[in-house]
Amino acid sequence: MLSAKKKQQLIKKSQIHEKDTGSSKVQAAILSARIDELAEHLKKHKKDNSSRRGLIKMVADRRAHLKYLERRSKTKARVR
């Protein structure tokens, strides 16, 4: 499980402005850290199917956030 201290460090590294805690970039960073930890857990506990289901859901969520960020960066590039 992701500790509060580590989560705060991830937020500080990825945030866009001082009070940003929920943008897509921050959420993708937090999901990536959680996915890494859960993948390590599943290497040890191969039959933990409920955690595996959660991992698949997190991967889908992260993919959606990254897709949004990619679309957003393309539209900003066209505007300029």
PDB file of N, CA and C in Angstrom:
ATOM      1  N   MET A   1       0.834  -1.171   0.000  1.00  0.00           N
ATOM      2  CA  MET A   1       0.000   0.000   0.000  1.00  0.00           C
ATOM      3  C   MET A   1       0.884   1.241   0.000  1.00  0.00           C
ATOM      4  N   LEU A   2       0.469   2.232  -0.702  1.00  0.00           N
ATOM      5  CA  LEU A   2       1.213   3.475  -0.859  1.00  0.00           C
ATOM      6  C   LEU A   2       1.119   4.306   0.423  1.00  0.00           C
ATOM      7  N   SER A   3       2.262   4.650   1.008  1.00  0.00           N
ATOM      8  CA  SER A   3       2.250   5.437   2.240  1.00  0.00           C
ATOM      9  C   SER A   3       1.911   6.892   1.935  1.00  0.00           C
ATOM     10  N   ALA A   4       1.437   7.591   2.942  1.00  0.00           N
ATOM     11  CA  ALA A   4       1.035   8.990   2.766  1.00  0.00           C
ATOM     12  C   ALA A   4       2.243   9.854   2.394  1.00  0.00           C
ATOM     13  N   LYS A   5       3.393   9.548   2.975  1.00  0.00           N
ATOM     14  CA  LYS A   5       4.601  10.326   2.694  1.00  0.00           C
ATOM     15  C   LYS A   5       5.024  10.167   1.235  1.00  0.00           C
ATOM     16  N   LYS A   6       5.008   8.923   0.749  1.00  0.00           N
ATOM     17  CA  LYS A   6       5.386   8.662  -0.636  1.00  0.00           C
ATOM     18  C   LYS A   6       4.386   9.297  -1.604  1.00  0.00           C
ATOM     19  N   LYS A   7       3.100   9.249  -1.229  1.00  0.00           N
ATOM     20  CA  LYS A   7       2.064   9.845  -2.061  1.00  0.00           C
ATOM     21  C   LYS A   7       2.265  11.358  -2.158  1.00  0.00           C
ATOM     22  N   GLN A   8       2.608  12.005  -1.047  1.00  0.00           N
ATOM     23  CA  GLN A   8       2.862  13.445  -1.051  1.00  0.00           C
ATOM     24  C   GLN A   8       4.062  13.792  -1.934  1.00  0.00           C
ATOM     25  N   GLN A   9       5.091  12.954  -1.910  1.00  0.00           N
ATOM     26  CA  GLN A   9       6.260  13.183  -2.769  1.00  0.00           C
ATOM     27  C   GLN A   9       5.878  13.076  -4.237  1.00  0.00           C
ATOM     28  N   LEU A  10       5.060  12.093  -4.572  1.00  0.00           N
ATOM     29  CA  LEU A  10       4.608  11.946  -5.958  1.00  0.00           C
ATOM     30  C   LEU A  10       3.782  13.146  -6.401  1.00  0.00           C
ATOM     31  N   ILE A  11       2.927  13.625  -5.507  1.00  0.00           N
ATOM     32  CA  ILE A  11       2.097  14.785  -5.832  1.00  0.00           C
ATOM     33  C   ILE A  11       2.966  16.003  -6.077  1.00  0.00           C
ATOM     34  N   LYS A  12       3.950  16.229  -5.202  1.00  0.00           N
ATOM     35  CA  LYS A  12       4.839  17.389  -5.358  1.00  0.00           C
ATOM     36  C   LYS A  12       5.606  17.327  -6.680  1.00  0.00           C
ATOM     37  N   LYS A  13       6.023  16.125  -7.074  1.00  0.00           N
ATOM     38  CA  LYS A  13       6.786  15.969  -8.307  1.00  0.00           C
ATOM     39  C   LYS A  13       5.928  16.197  -9.554  1.00  0.00           C
ATOM     40  N   SER A  14       4.641  15.842  -9.505  1.00  0.00           N
ATOM     41  CA  SER A  14       3.806  15.871 -10.697  1.00  0.00           C
ATOM     42  C   SER A  14       2.834  17.030 -10.761  1.00  0.00           C
ATOM     43  N   GLN A  15       2.680  17.778  -9.701  1.00  0.00           N
ATOM     44  CA  GLN A  15       1.644  18.800  -9.695  1.00  0.00           C
ATOM     45  C   GLN A  15       1.953  19.950 -10.640  1.00  0.00           C
ATOM     46  N   ILE A  16       0.898  20.552 -11.163  1.00  0.00           N
ATOM     47  CA  ILE A  16       1.017  21.642 -12.117  1.00  0.00           C
ATOM     48  C   ILE A  16       1.168  22.975 -11.383  1.00  0.00           C
ATOM     49  N   HIS A  17       0.423  23.132 -10.293  1.00  0.00           N
ATOM     50  CA  HIS A  17       0.520  24.340  -9.467  1.00  0.00           C
ATOM     51  C   HIS A  17       0.511  23.932  -8.004  1.00  0.00           C
ATOM     52  N   GLU A  18       0.647  24.885  -7.112  1.00  0.00           N
ATOM     53  CA  GLU A  18       0.829  24.633  -5.686  1.00  0.00           C
ATOM     54  C   GLU A  18      -0.270  23.768  -5.056  1.00  0.00           C
ATOM     55  N   LYS A  19      -1.529  24.015  -5.396  1.00  0.00           N
ATOM     56  CA  LYS A  19      -2.639  23.308  -4.756  1.00  0.00           C
ATOM     57  C   LYS A  19      -3.175  22.149  -5.589  1.00  0.00           C
ATOM     58  N   ASP A  20      -2.458  21.740  -6.601  1.00  0.00           N
ATOM     59  CA  ASP A  20      -2.909  20.675  -7.490  1.00  0.00           C
ATOM     60  C   ASP A  20      -2.693  19.314  -6.843  1.00  0.00           C
ATOM     61  N   THR A  21      -3.783  18.608  -6.560  1.00  0.00           N
ATOM     62  CA  THR A  21      -3.675  17.260  -6.005  1.00  0.00           C
ATOM     63  C   THR A  21      -4.494  16.243  -6.789  1.00  0.00           C
ATOM     64  N   GLY A  22      -5.240  16.695  -7.803  1.00  0.00           N
ATOM     65  CA  GLY A  22      -6.130  15.765  -8.481  1.00  0.00           C
ATOM     66  C   GLY A  22      -6.131  15.839  -9.985  1.00  0.00           C
ATOM     67  N   SER A  23      -5.162  16.519 -10.576  1.00  0.00           N
ATOM     68  CA  SER A  23      -5.135  16.585 -12.036  1.00  0.00           C
ATOM     69  C   SER A  23      -4.810  15.211 -12.611  1.00  0.00           C
ATOM     70  N   SER A  24      -5.032  15.055 -13.883  1.00  0.00           N
ATOM     71  CA  SER A  24      -4.784  13.758 -14.525  1.00  0.00           C
ATOM     72  C   SER A  24      -3.324  13.344 -14.424  1.00  0.00           C
ATOM     73  N   LYS A  25      -2.434  14.312 -14.505  1.00  0.00           N
ATOM     74  CA  LYS A  25      -1.005  14.000 -14.403  1.00  0.00           C
ATOM     75  C   LYS A  25      -0.664  13.439 -13.021  1.00  0.00           C
ATOM     76  N   VAL A  26      -1.210  14.042 -11.985  1.00  0.00           N
ATOM     77  CA  VAL A  26      -0.966  13.576 -10.615  1.00  0.00           C
ATOM     78  C   VAL A  26      -1.604  12.204 -10.410  1.00  0.00           C
ATOM     79  N   GLN A  27      -2.823  12.036 -10.881  1.00  0.00           N
ATOM     80  CA  GLN A  27      -3.501  10.752 -10.715  1.00  0.00           C
ATOM     81  C   GLN A  27      -2.773   9.634 -11.447  1.00  0.00           C
ATOM     82  N   ALA A  28      -2.246   9.920 -12.627  1.00  0.00           N
ATOM     83  CA  ALA A  28      -1.500   8.901 -13.379  1.00  0.00           C
ATOM     84  C   ALA A  28      -0.225   8.519 -12.629  1.00  0.00           C
ATOM     85  N   ALA A  29       0.437   9.490 -12.015  1.00  0.00           N
ATOM     86  CA  ALA A  29       1.659   9.200 -11.256  1.00  0.00           C
ATOM     87  C   ALA A  29       1.353   8.327 -10.038  1.00  0.00           C
ATOM     88  N   ILE A  30       0.280   8.644  -9.329  1.00  0.00           N
ATOM     89  CA  ILE A  30      -0.096   7.858  -8.154  1.00  0.00           C
ATOM     90  C   ILE A  30      -0.501   6.443  -8.569  1.00  0.00           C
ATOM     91  N   LEU A  31      -1.273   6.332  -9.636  1.00  0.00           N
ATOM     92  CA  LEU A  31      -1.676   5.013 -10.124  1.00  0.00           C
ATOM     93  C   LEU A  31      -0.469   4.185 -10.543  1.00  0.00           C
ATOM     94  N   SER A  32       0.524   4.814 -11.163  1.00  0.00           N
ATOM     95  CA  SER A  32       1.722   4.088 -11.586  1.00  0.00           C
ATOM     96  C   SER A  32       2.458   3.509 -10.384  1.00  0.00           C
ATOM     97  N   ALA A  33       2.561   4.292  -9.323  1.00  0.00           N
ATOM     98  CA  ALA A  33       3.236   3.805  -8.111  1.00  0.00           C
ATOM     99  C   ALA A  33       2.449   2.659  -7.483  1.00  0.00           C
ATOM    100  N   ARG A  34       1.137   2.793  -7.429  1.00  0.00           N
ATOM    101  CA  ARG A  34       0.309   1.726  -6.866  1.00  0.00           C
ATOM    102  C   ARG A  34       0.387   0.460  -7.713  1.00  0.00           C
ATOM    103  N   ILE A  35       0.419   0.628  -9.034  1.00  0.00           N
ATOM    104  CA  ILE A  35       0.521  -0.521  -9.935  1.00  0.00           C
ATOM    105  C   ILE A  35       1.846  -1.251  -9.715  1.00  0.00           C
ATOM    106  N   ASP A  36       2.935  -0.500  -9.571  1.00  0.00           N
ATOM    107  CA  ASP A  36       4.245  -1.123  -9.332  1.00  0.00           C
ATOM    108  C   ASP A  36       4.237  -1.939  -8.041  1.00  0.00           C
ATOM    109  N   GLU A  37       3.662  -1.365  -6.976  1.00  0.00           N
ATOM    110  CA  GLU A  37       3.618  -2.080  -5.701  1.00  0.00           C
ATOM    111  C   GLU A  37       2.749  -3.328  -5.789  1.00  0.00           C
ATOM    112  N   LEU A  38       1.613  -3.215  -6.448  1.00  0.00           N
ATOM    113  CA  LEU A  38       0.713  -4.359  -6.561  1.00  0.00           C
ATOM    114  C   LEU A  38       1.298  -5.449  -7.453  1.00  0.00           C
ATOM    115  N   ALA A  39       2.041  -5.059  -8.465  1.00  0.00           N
ATOM    116  CA  ALA A  39       2.689  -6.049  -9.333  1.00  0.00           C
ATOM    117  C   ALA A  39       3.720  -6.857  -8.540  1.00  0.00           C
ATOM    118  N   GLU A  40       4.452  -6.173  -7.657  1.00  0.00           N
ATOM    119  CA  GLU A  40       5.416  -6.884  -6.799  1.00  0.00           C
ATOM    120  C   GLU A  40       4.684  -7.848  -5.872  1.00  0.00           C
ATOM    121  N   HIS A  41       3.565  -7.425  -5.320  1.00  0.00           N
ATOM    122  CA  HIS A  41       2.767  -8.281  -4.440  1.00  0.00           C
ATOM    123  C   HIS A  41       2.308  -9.528  -5.187  1.00  0.00           C
ATOM    124  N   LEU A  42       1.869  -9.337  -6.427  1.00  0.00           N
ATOM    125  CA  LEU A  42       1.337 -10.464  -7.193  1.00  0.00           C
ATOM    126  C   LEU A  42       2.426 -11.429  -7.656  1.00  0.00           C
ATOM    127  N   LYS A  43       3.670 -10.973  -7.700  1.00  0.00           N
ATOM    128  CA  LYS A  43       4.760 -11.898  -8.027  1.00  0.00           C
ATOM    129  C   LYS A  43       4.930 -12.923  -6.907  1.00  0.00           C
ATOM    130  N   LYS A  44       4.698 -12.494  -5.667  1.00  0.00           N
ATOM    131  CA  LYS A  44       4.816 -13.399  -4.518  1.00  0.00           C
ATOM    132  C   LYS A  44       3.553 -14.232  -4.321  1.00  0.00           C
ATOM    133  N   HIS A  45       2.383 -13.611  -4.546  1.00  0.00           N
ATOM    134  CA  HIS A  45       1.103 -14.246  -4.277  1.00  0.00           C
ATOM    135  C   HIS A  45       0.350 -14.445  -5.591  1.00  0.00           C
ATOM    136  N   LYS A  46       0.724 -15.489  -6.306  1.00  0.00           N
ATOM    137  CA  LYS A  46       0.216 -15.707  -7.657  1.00  0.00           C
ATOM    138  C   LYS A  46      -1.289 -16.010  -7.704  1.00  0.00           C
ATOM    139  N   LYS A  47      -1.858 -16.523  -6.629  1.00  0.00           N
ATOM    140  CA  LYS A  47      -3.271 -16.911  -6.649  1.00  0.00           C
ATOM    141  C   LYS A  47      -4.199 -15.845  -6.058  1.00  0.00           C
ATOM    142  N   ASP A  48      -3.698 -14.655  -5.821  1.00  0.00           N
ATOM    143  CA  ASP A  48      -4.501 -13.572  -5.259  1.00  0.00           C
ATOM    144  C   ASP A  48      -5.278 -12.893  -6.386  1.00  0.00           C
ATOM    145  N   ASN A  49      -6.396 -13.492  -6.749  1.00  0.00           N
ATOM    146  CA  ASN A  49      -7.154 -13.020  -7.906  1.00  0.00           C
ATOM    147  C   ASN A  49      -7.892 -11.716  -7.655  1.00  0.00           C
ATOM    148  N   SER A  50      -8.288 -11.445  -6.424  1.00  0.00           N
ATOM    149  CA  SER A  50      -8.985 -10.182  -6.155  1.00  0.00           C
ATOM    150  C   SER A  50      -8.035  -8.994  -6.313  1.00  0.00           C
ATOM    151  N   SER A  51      -6.780  -9.165  -5.912  1.00  0.00           N
ATOM    152  CA  SER A  51      -5.801  -8.101  -6.124  1.00  0.00           C
ATOM    153  C   SER A  51      -5.472  -7.951  -7.603  1.00  0.00           C
ATOM    154  N   ARG A  52      -5.455  -9.060  -8.309  1.00  0.00           N
ATOM    155  CA  ARG A  52      -5.188  -9.013  -9.748  1.00  0.00           C
ATOM    156  C   ARG A  52      -6.292  -8.227 -10.472  1.00  0.00           C
ATOM    157  N   ARG A  53      -7.521  -8.402 -10.034  1.00  0.00           N
ATOM    158  CA  ARG A  53      -8.637  -7.663 -10.620  1.00  0.00           C
ATOM    159  C   ARG A  53      -8.474  -6.167 -10.363  1.00  0.00           C
ATOM    160  N   GLY A  54      -8.053  -5.822  -9.155  1.00  0.00           N
ATOM    161  CA  GLY A  54      -7.802  -4.419  -8.831  1.00  0.00           C
ATOM    162  C   GLY A  54      -6.680  -3.842  -9.669  1.00  0.00           C
ATOM    163  N   LEU A  55      -5.650  -4.647  -9.906  1.00  0.00           N
ATOM    164  CA  LEU A  55      -4.527  -4.210 -10.742  1.00  0.00           C
ATOM    165  C   LEU A  55      -5.003  -3.902 -12.157  1.00  0.00           C
ATOM    166  N   ILE A  56      -5.820  -4.767 -12.706  1.00  0.00           N
ATOM    167  CA  ILE A  56      -6.326  -4.563 -14.067  1.00  0.00           C
ATOM    168  C   ILE A  56      -7.161  -3.284 -14.135  1.00  0.00           C
ATOM    169  N   LYS A  57      -7.950  -3.029 -13.105  1.00  0.00           N
ATOM    170  CA  LYS A  57      -8.763  -1.809 -13.066  1.00  0.00           C
ATOM    171  C   LYS A  57      -7.871  -0.568 -12.984  1.00  0.00           C
ATOM    172  N   MET A  58      -6.821  -0.636 -12.175  1.00  0.00           N
ATOM    173  CA  MET A  58      -5.904   0.504 -12.065  1.00  0.00           C
ATOM    174  C   MET A  58      -5.181   0.772 -13.377  1.00  0.00           C
ATOM    175  N   VAL A  59      -4.783  -0.279 -14.064  1.00  0.00           N
ATOM    176  CA  VAL A  59      -4.112  -0.122 -15.352  1.00  0.00           C
ATOM    177  C   VAL A  59      -5.043   0.551 -16.354  1.00  0.00           C
ATOM    178  N   ALA A  60      -6.311   0.156 -16.343  1.00  0.00           N
ATOM    179  CA  ALA A  60      -7.288   0.778 -17.251  1.00  0.00           C
ATOM    180  C   ALA A  60      -7.491   2.252 -16.902  1.00  0.00           C
ATOM    181  N   ASP A  61      -7.564   2.555 -15.610  1.00  0.00           N
ATOM    182  CA  ASP A  61      -7.714   3.957 -15.184  1.00  0.00           C
ATOM    183  C   ASP A  61      -6.510   4.791 -15.608  1.00  0.00           C
ATOM    184  N   ARG A  62      -5.316   4.244 -15.393  1.00  0.00           N
ATOM    185  CA  ARG A  62      -4.108   4.976 -15.774  1.00  0.00           C
ATOM    186  C   ARG A  62      -4.067   5.200 -17.279  1.00  0.00           C
ATOM    187  N   ARG A  63      -4.450   4.197 -18.040  1.00  0.00           N
ATOM    188  CA  ARG A  63      -4.463   4.322 -19.501  1.00  0.00           C
ATOM    189  C   ARG A  63      -5.411   5.441 -19.930  1.00  0.00           C
ATOM    190  N   ALA A  64      -6.561   5.530 -19.274  1.00  0.00           N
ATOM    191  CA  ALA A  64      -7.528   6.577 -19.605  1.00  0.00           C
ATOM    192  C   ALA A  64      -6.953   7.960 -19.295  1.00  0.00           C
ATOM    193  N   HIS A  65      -6.275   8.107 -18.153  1.00  0.00           N
ATOM    194  CA  HIS A  65      -5.678   9.396 -17.796  1.00  0.00           C
ATOM    195  C   HIS A  65      -4.575   9.781 -18.788  1.00  0.00           C
ATOM    196  N   LEU A  66      -3.747   8.817 -19.158  1.00  0.00           N
ATOM    197  CA  LEU A  66      -2.657   9.108 -20.090  1.00  0.00           C
ATOM    198  C   LEU A  66      -3.194   9.453 -21.477  1.00  0.00           C
ATOM    199  N   LYS A  67      -4.256   8.775 -21.869  1.00  0.00           N
ATOM    200  CA  LYS A  67      -4.879   9.073 -23.162  1.00  0.00           C
ATOM    201  C   LYS A  67      -5.435  10.492 -23.165  1.00  0.00           C
ATOM    202  N   TYR A  68      -6.064  10.884 -22.065  1.00  0.00           N
ATOM    203  CA  TYR A  68      -6.590  12.244 -21.934  1.00  0.00           C
ATOM    204  C   TYR A  68      -5.460  13.265 -22.015  1.00  0.00           C
ATOM    205  N   LEU A  69      -4.367  13.002 -21.306  1.00  0.00           N
ATOM    206  CA  LEU A  69      -3.234  13.933 -21.323  1.00  0.00           C
ATOM    207  C   LEU A  69      -2.635  14.052 -22.719  1.00  0.00           C
ATOM    208  N   GLU A  70      -2.588  12.948 -23.439  1.00  0.00           N
ATOM    209  CA  GLU A  70      -2.056  12.973 -24.800  1.00  0.00           C
ATOM    210  C   GLU A  70      -2.958  13.798 -25.718  1.00  0.00           C
ATOM    211  N   ARG A  71      -4.271  13.584 -25.626  1.00  0.00           N
ATOM    212  CA  ARG A  71      -5.215  14.367 -26.429  1.00  0.00           C
ATOM    213  C   ARG A  71      -5.115  15.852 -26.103  1.00  0.00           C
ATOM    214  N   ARG A  72      -5.008  16.155 -24.822  1.00  0.00           N
ATOM    215  CA  ARG A  72      -4.947  17.541 -24.379  1.00  0.00           C
ATOM    216  C   ARG A  72      -3.679  18.228 -24.874  1.00  0.00           C
ATOM    217  N   SER A  73      -2.550  17.518 -24.869  1.00  0.00           N
ATOM    218  CA  SER A  73      -1.305  18.119 -25.322  1.00  0.00           C
ATOM    219  C   SER A  73      -1.330  18.364 -26.836  1.00  0.00           C
ATOM    220  N   LYS A  74      -2.016  17.499 -27.586  1.00  0.00           N
ATOM    221  CA  LYS A  74      -2.127  17.683 -29.027  1.00  0.00           C
ATOM    222  C   LYS A  74      -2.980  18.895 -29.348  1.00  0.00           C
ATOM    223  N   THR A  75      -4.059  19.100 -28.617  1.00  0.00           N
ATOM    224  CA  THR A  75      -4.925  20.245 -28.886  1.00  0.00           C
ATOM    225  C   THR A  75      -4.232  21.547 -28.509  1.00  0.00           C
ATOM    226  N   LYS A  76      -3.438  21.536 -27.441  1.00  0.00           N
ATOM    227  CA  LYS A  76      -2.695  22.740 -27.056  1.00  0.00           C
ATOM    228  C   LYS A  76      -1.647  23.073 -28.109  1.00  0.00           C
ATOM    229  N   ALA A  77      -1.047  22.055 -28.706  1.00  0.00           N
ATOM    230  CA  ALA A  77      -0.029  22.285 -29.729  1.00  0.00           C
ATOM    231  C   ALA A  77      -0.661  22.912 -30.972  1.00  0.00           C
ATOM    232  N   ARG A  78      -1.889  22.516 -31.294  1.00  0.00           N
ATOM    233  CA  ARG A  78      -2.576  23.066 -32.476  1.00  0.00           C
ATOM    234  C   ARG A  78      -2.987  24.512 -32.261  1.00  0.00           C
ATOM    235  N   VAL A  79      -3.344  24.870 -31.044  1.00  0.00           N
ATOM    236  CA  VAL A  79      -3.807  26.217 -30.748  1.00  0.00           C
ATOM    237  C   VAL A  79      -2.665  27.211 -30.884  1.00  0.00           C
ATOM    238  N   ARG A  80      -1.506  26.839 -30.495  1.00  0.00           N
ATOM    239  CA  ARG A  80      -0.358  27.755 -30.516  1.00  0.00           C
ATOM    240  C   ARG A  80       0.143  27.996 -31.875  1.00  0.00           C
TER     241      ARG A  80
END
